N, C-alpha and C. Protein backbone atom coordinates (compact mmCIF):
# COMPACT_ATOMS: atom_id res chain seq x y z
N MET A 1 42.97 -151.31 109.10
CA MET A 1 43.86 -151.15 109.74
C MET A 1 45.15 -150.06 109.37
N SER A 2 45.32 -149.20 110.34
CA SER A 2 46.54 -148.42 109.71
C SER A 2 47.60 -148.52 111.22
N ARG A 3 48.90 -148.94 110.82
CA ARG A 3 49.65 -149.07 112.15
C ARG A 3 50.82 -148.10 112.02
N TYR A 4 51.29 -147.40 112.33
CA TYR A 4 52.84 -146.78 112.12
C TYR A 4 53.66 -146.87 113.64
N VAL A 5 54.81 -146.75 113.09
CA VAL A 5 56.01 -146.79 114.28
C VAL A 5 57.17 -145.92 114.16
N LYS A 6 57.15 -145.38 114.81
CA LYS A 6 58.33 -144.26 115.45
C LYS A 6 59.12 -144.67 116.11
N ASP A 7 60.92 -144.83 115.87
CA ASP A 7 61.52 -145.32 116.55
C ASP A 7 62.43 -143.78 117.19
N MET A 8 62.29 -143.29 118.68
CA MET A 8 63.08 -142.13 119.54
C MET A 8 64.40 -142.08 119.33
N ASP A 9 65.26 -140.82 119.07
CA ASP A 9 66.45 -140.94 119.69
C ASP A 9 66.72 -141.31 121.04
N ASN A 10 66.03 -141.75 121.96
CA ASN A 10 66.48 -141.64 123.35
C ASN A 10 65.72 -143.18 123.59
N GLY A 11 65.63 -144.12 122.45
CA GLY A 11 65.71 -145.64 122.84
C GLY A 11 64.10 -145.77 122.81
N LYS A 12 63.09 -144.86 122.80
CA LYS A 12 61.43 -145.35 123.10
C LYS A 12 61.25 -145.70 121.45
N THR A 13 60.09 -146.32 121.54
CA THR A 13 59.37 -146.72 120.15
C THR A 13 58.34 -146.38 120.60
N ILE A 14 57.82 -145.67 119.78
CA ILE A 14 56.00 -145.06 119.42
C ILE A 14 55.59 -145.99 118.30
N ALA A 15 54.22 -146.90 118.88
CA ALA A 15 53.38 -147.04 117.91
C ALA A 15 52.11 -146.62 118.16
N TYR A 16 51.27 -146.11 116.69
CA TYR A 16 49.99 -145.69 116.97
C TYR A 16 49.14 -146.04 115.79
N GLY A 17 48.14 -145.37 115.88
CA GLY A 17 47.12 -145.67 114.86
C GLY A 17 45.49 -145.73 114.73
N TYR A 18 45.21 -146.53 113.62
CA TYR A 18 43.77 -146.88 113.75
C TYR A 18 42.97 -147.91 113.58
N ASP A 19 42.62 -148.79 114.63
CA ASP A 19 42.03 -150.18 113.95
C ASP A 19 40.51 -149.89 114.15
N HIS A 20 40.10 -150.76 113.23
CA HIS A 20 37.94 -150.83 113.72
C HIS A 20 37.71 -151.70 114.91
N VAL A 21 38.25 -152.26 115.64
CA VAL A 21 38.17 -152.91 116.74
C VAL A 21 38.69 -151.70 118.20
N THR A 22 39.87 -151.74 117.80
CA THR A 22 40.14 -150.76 119.22
C THR A 22 39.75 -149.28 118.98
N GLY A 23 39.83 -149.04 117.66
CA GLY A 23 39.31 -147.45 117.47
C GLY A 23 41.20 -146.79 117.05
N TYR A 24 41.35 -145.43 118.03
CA TYR A 24 42.59 -144.92 118.02
C TYR A 24 43.32 -145.83 118.90
N PHE A 25 45.12 -145.75 118.52
CA PHE A 25 45.55 -146.38 119.76
C PHE A 25 46.99 -145.93 119.82
N PHE A 26 47.55 -145.84 121.13
CA PHE A 26 49.03 -145.02 121.14
C PHE A 26 49.80 -145.99 122.41
N GLN A 27 50.85 -146.49 121.73
CA GLN A 27 51.67 -147.18 122.59
C GLN A 27 53.21 -146.54 122.74
N VAL A 28 53.35 -146.46 123.57
CA VAL A 28 55.32 -145.94 124.04
C VAL A 28 55.71 -147.23 124.68
N PHE A 29 57.08 -147.71 124.00
CA PHE A 29 57.48 -148.91 124.63
C PHE A 29 59.27 -148.16 125.08
N ASP A 30 59.65 -149.01 126.03
CA ASP A 30 60.83 -148.81 126.20
C ASP A 30 62.06 -149.55 126.10
N VAL A 31 63.12 -149.97 125.81
CA VAL A 31 64.00 -150.60 125.56
C VAL A 31 64.97 -150.61 126.40
N VAL A 32 64.87 -151.96 127.13
CA VAL A 32 66.21 -151.67 128.44
C VAL A 32 67.49 -152.29 128.07
N GLU A 33 68.57 -152.21 127.65
CA GLU A 33 69.54 -152.53 126.95
C GLU A 33 70.22 -154.00 127.38
N GLU A 34 69.85 -153.91 129.12
CA GLU A 34 70.44 -155.02 129.92
C GLU A 34 69.83 -156.36 129.25
N ASP A 35 68.50 -155.99 129.37
CA ASP A 35 67.99 -157.63 128.93
C ASP A 35 67.30 -157.50 127.55
N ASP A 36 67.15 -156.65 127.16
CA ASP A 36 66.91 -155.93 125.54
C ASP A 36 65.35 -156.58 125.26
N GLU A 37 64.70 -156.19 126.91
CA GLU A 37 63.24 -156.21 126.56
C GLU A 37 62.54 -155.20 126.56
N ASP A 38 61.52 -155.18 125.66
CA ASP A 38 60.58 -154.17 125.29
C ASP A 38 59.69 -153.84 126.57
N TYR A 39 59.43 -152.80 127.03
CA TYR A 39 58.22 -152.05 128.28
C TYR A 39 57.57 -151.62 127.82
N LEU A 40 56.20 -151.74 127.82
CA LEU A 40 55.34 -150.55 127.68
C LEU A 40 55.18 -149.95 128.57
N LEU A 41 55.31 -148.64 128.31
CA LEU A 41 55.27 -147.24 129.43
C LEU A 41 53.45 -146.33 129.00
N ILE A 42 53.19 -146.49 127.71
CA ILE A 42 52.20 -146.03 127.78
C ILE A 42 51.25 -146.71 126.66
N ASP A 43 49.93 -147.14 127.24
CA ASP A 43 48.77 -147.91 126.07
C ASP A 43 47.37 -147.78 126.72
N GLU A 44 47.29 -146.61 125.67
CA GLU A 44 45.68 -146.31 125.62
C GLU A 44 44.96 -146.58 124.20
N CYS A 45 43.97 -146.49 124.19
CA CYS A 45 43.48 -146.90 123.04
C CYS A 45 41.43 -146.43 122.94
N SER A 46 40.77 -146.27 122.01
CA SER A 46 39.47 -145.36 122.34
C SER A 46 38.55 -146.37 122.81
N THR A 47 38.64 -147.94 122.53
CA THR A 47 37.79 -148.95 123.18
C THR A 47 38.15 -149.04 124.73
N PHE A 48 39.12 -149.25 125.37
CA PHE A 48 39.50 -150.44 126.11
C PHE A 48 39.58 -148.76 127.13
N THR A 49 40.68 -148.13 127.07
CA THR A 49 41.01 -147.19 127.95
C THR A 49 40.27 -145.78 128.02
N LYS A 50 39.39 -146.13 126.97
CA LYS A 50 38.25 -144.22 126.62
C LYS A 50 39.24 -143.44 126.20
N MET A 51 40.90 -143.38 125.66
CA MET A 51 40.95 -142.25 125.04
C MET A 51 40.16 -141.42 123.94
N SER A 52 40.15 -139.92 124.60
CA SER A 52 39.69 -139.46 123.78
C SER A 52 40.12 -138.98 122.23
N ASN A 53 39.99 -138.61 121.53
CA ASN A 53 40.80 -137.76 120.19
C ASN A 53 41.37 -136.40 120.79
N GLY A 54 41.39 -135.93 122.26
CA GLY A 54 41.86 -134.72 122.60
C GLY A 54 43.13 -135.40 123.27
N LYS A 55 43.01 -136.52 123.90
CA LYS A 55 44.48 -136.92 124.47
C LYS A 55 45.13 -137.61 123.33
N MET A 56 44.70 -138.10 122.54
CA MET A 56 45.17 -138.87 121.32
C MET A 56 46.34 -137.72 120.75
N ILE A 57 45.61 -136.75 120.11
CA ILE A 57 46.47 -135.48 119.48
C ILE A 57 47.58 -134.86 120.60
N GLU A 58 46.89 -135.25 121.76
CA GLU A 58 48.21 -134.33 122.97
C GLU A 58 49.28 -135.31 122.80
N LEU A 59 49.20 -136.11 122.68
CA LEU A 59 50.10 -137.30 122.65
C LEU A 59 50.95 -137.29 121.16
N MET A 60 50.14 -137.21 120.29
CA MET A 60 50.98 -137.11 119.08
C MET A 60 51.67 -136.01 119.07
N ASP A 61 51.21 -134.96 119.54
CA ASP A 61 51.88 -133.43 119.89
C ASP A 61 53.38 -133.56 120.64
N VAL A 62 53.23 -134.25 121.25
CA VAL A 62 54.23 -134.79 122.32
C VAL A 62 55.46 -135.17 121.63
N TYR A 63 55.19 -136.23 121.15
CA TYR A 63 56.20 -137.07 120.22
C TYR A 63 56.41 -136.90 118.64
N LYS A 64 56.06 -135.44 118.55
CA LYS A 64 56.39 -134.94 116.96
C LYS A 64 55.73 -135.64 116.21
N LEU A 65 54.66 -136.23 116.11
CA LEU A 65 54.21 -137.19 114.82
C LEU A 65 53.69 -136.41 114.00
N PRO A 66 53.33 -136.96 112.36
CA PRO A 66 53.04 -136.18 111.40
C PRO A 66 51.90 -135.16 111.86
N GLU A 67 51.97 -134.17 110.87
CA GLU A 67 50.77 -133.35 111.25
C GLU A 67 49.29 -133.83 110.45
N SER A 68 49.91 -134.21 109.22
CA SER A 68 48.67 -134.71 108.68
C SER A 68 48.05 -136.06 109.17
N HIS A 69 48.62 -136.74 110.06
CA HIS A 69 48.17 -137.49 110.68
C HIS A 69 47.39 -137.43 112.29
N ILE A 70 47.67 -135.93 112.78
CA ILE A 70 47.14 -135.27 113.82
C ILE A 70 45.59 -135.13 113.20
N GLU A 71 45.75 -134.01 112.10
CA GLU A 71 45.12 -133.16 111.42
C GLU A 71 43.78 -134.81 111.34
N ASN A 72 43.98 -136.17 110.79
CA ASN A 72 42.95 -136.93 110.63
C ASN A 72 42.26 -137.46 111.64
N VAL A 73 43.02 -137.56 113.09
CA VAL A 73 42.51 -137.61 114.45
C VAL A 73 41.84 -136.67 114.61
N ALA A 74 41.93 -135.25 114.28
CA ALA A 74 41.34 -133.91 114.68
C ALA A 74 39.78 -133.86 114.16
N MET A 75 39.46 -134.75 112.73
CA MET A 75 38.62 -134.68 111.71
C MET A 75 38.12 -136.01 112.11
N ASP A 76 38.14 -136.80 112.99
CA ASP A 76 37.82 -137.90 113.62
C ASP A 76 38.07 -139.01 112.09
N LEU A 77 39.03 -139.11 111.67
CA LEU A 77 38.92 -139.70 110.42
C LEU A 77 40.41 -140.95 110.82
N PRO A 78 40.09 -142.10 109.94
CA PRO A 78 41.11 -143.14 110.70
C PRO A 78 42.62 -142.43 109.83
N ILE A 79 43.72 -142.96 110.60
CA ILE A 79 44.45 -142.21 110.13
C ILE A 79 45.62 -143.13 108.99
N LYS A 80 45.70 -142.23 107.71
CA LYS A 80 46.36 -143.15 106.58
C LYS A 80 47.42 -141.87 106.16
């Protein structure tokens, strides 16, 4: 399993990676300062929501994730 986390300047947190059960997964959380709770805005994975590699690459590009991770997804390899 690989899991990466990126904290954005706008307060959002991106969690993404590869798991042998769910395949590729991509999640975006927003933290509301009033109650300090995490709110899940995007929750996609290969297994349960049928996210394609193309959609994973698109999301990774939007959130400016490392090019080496995007290349692994393009080659259908686990993200390392």
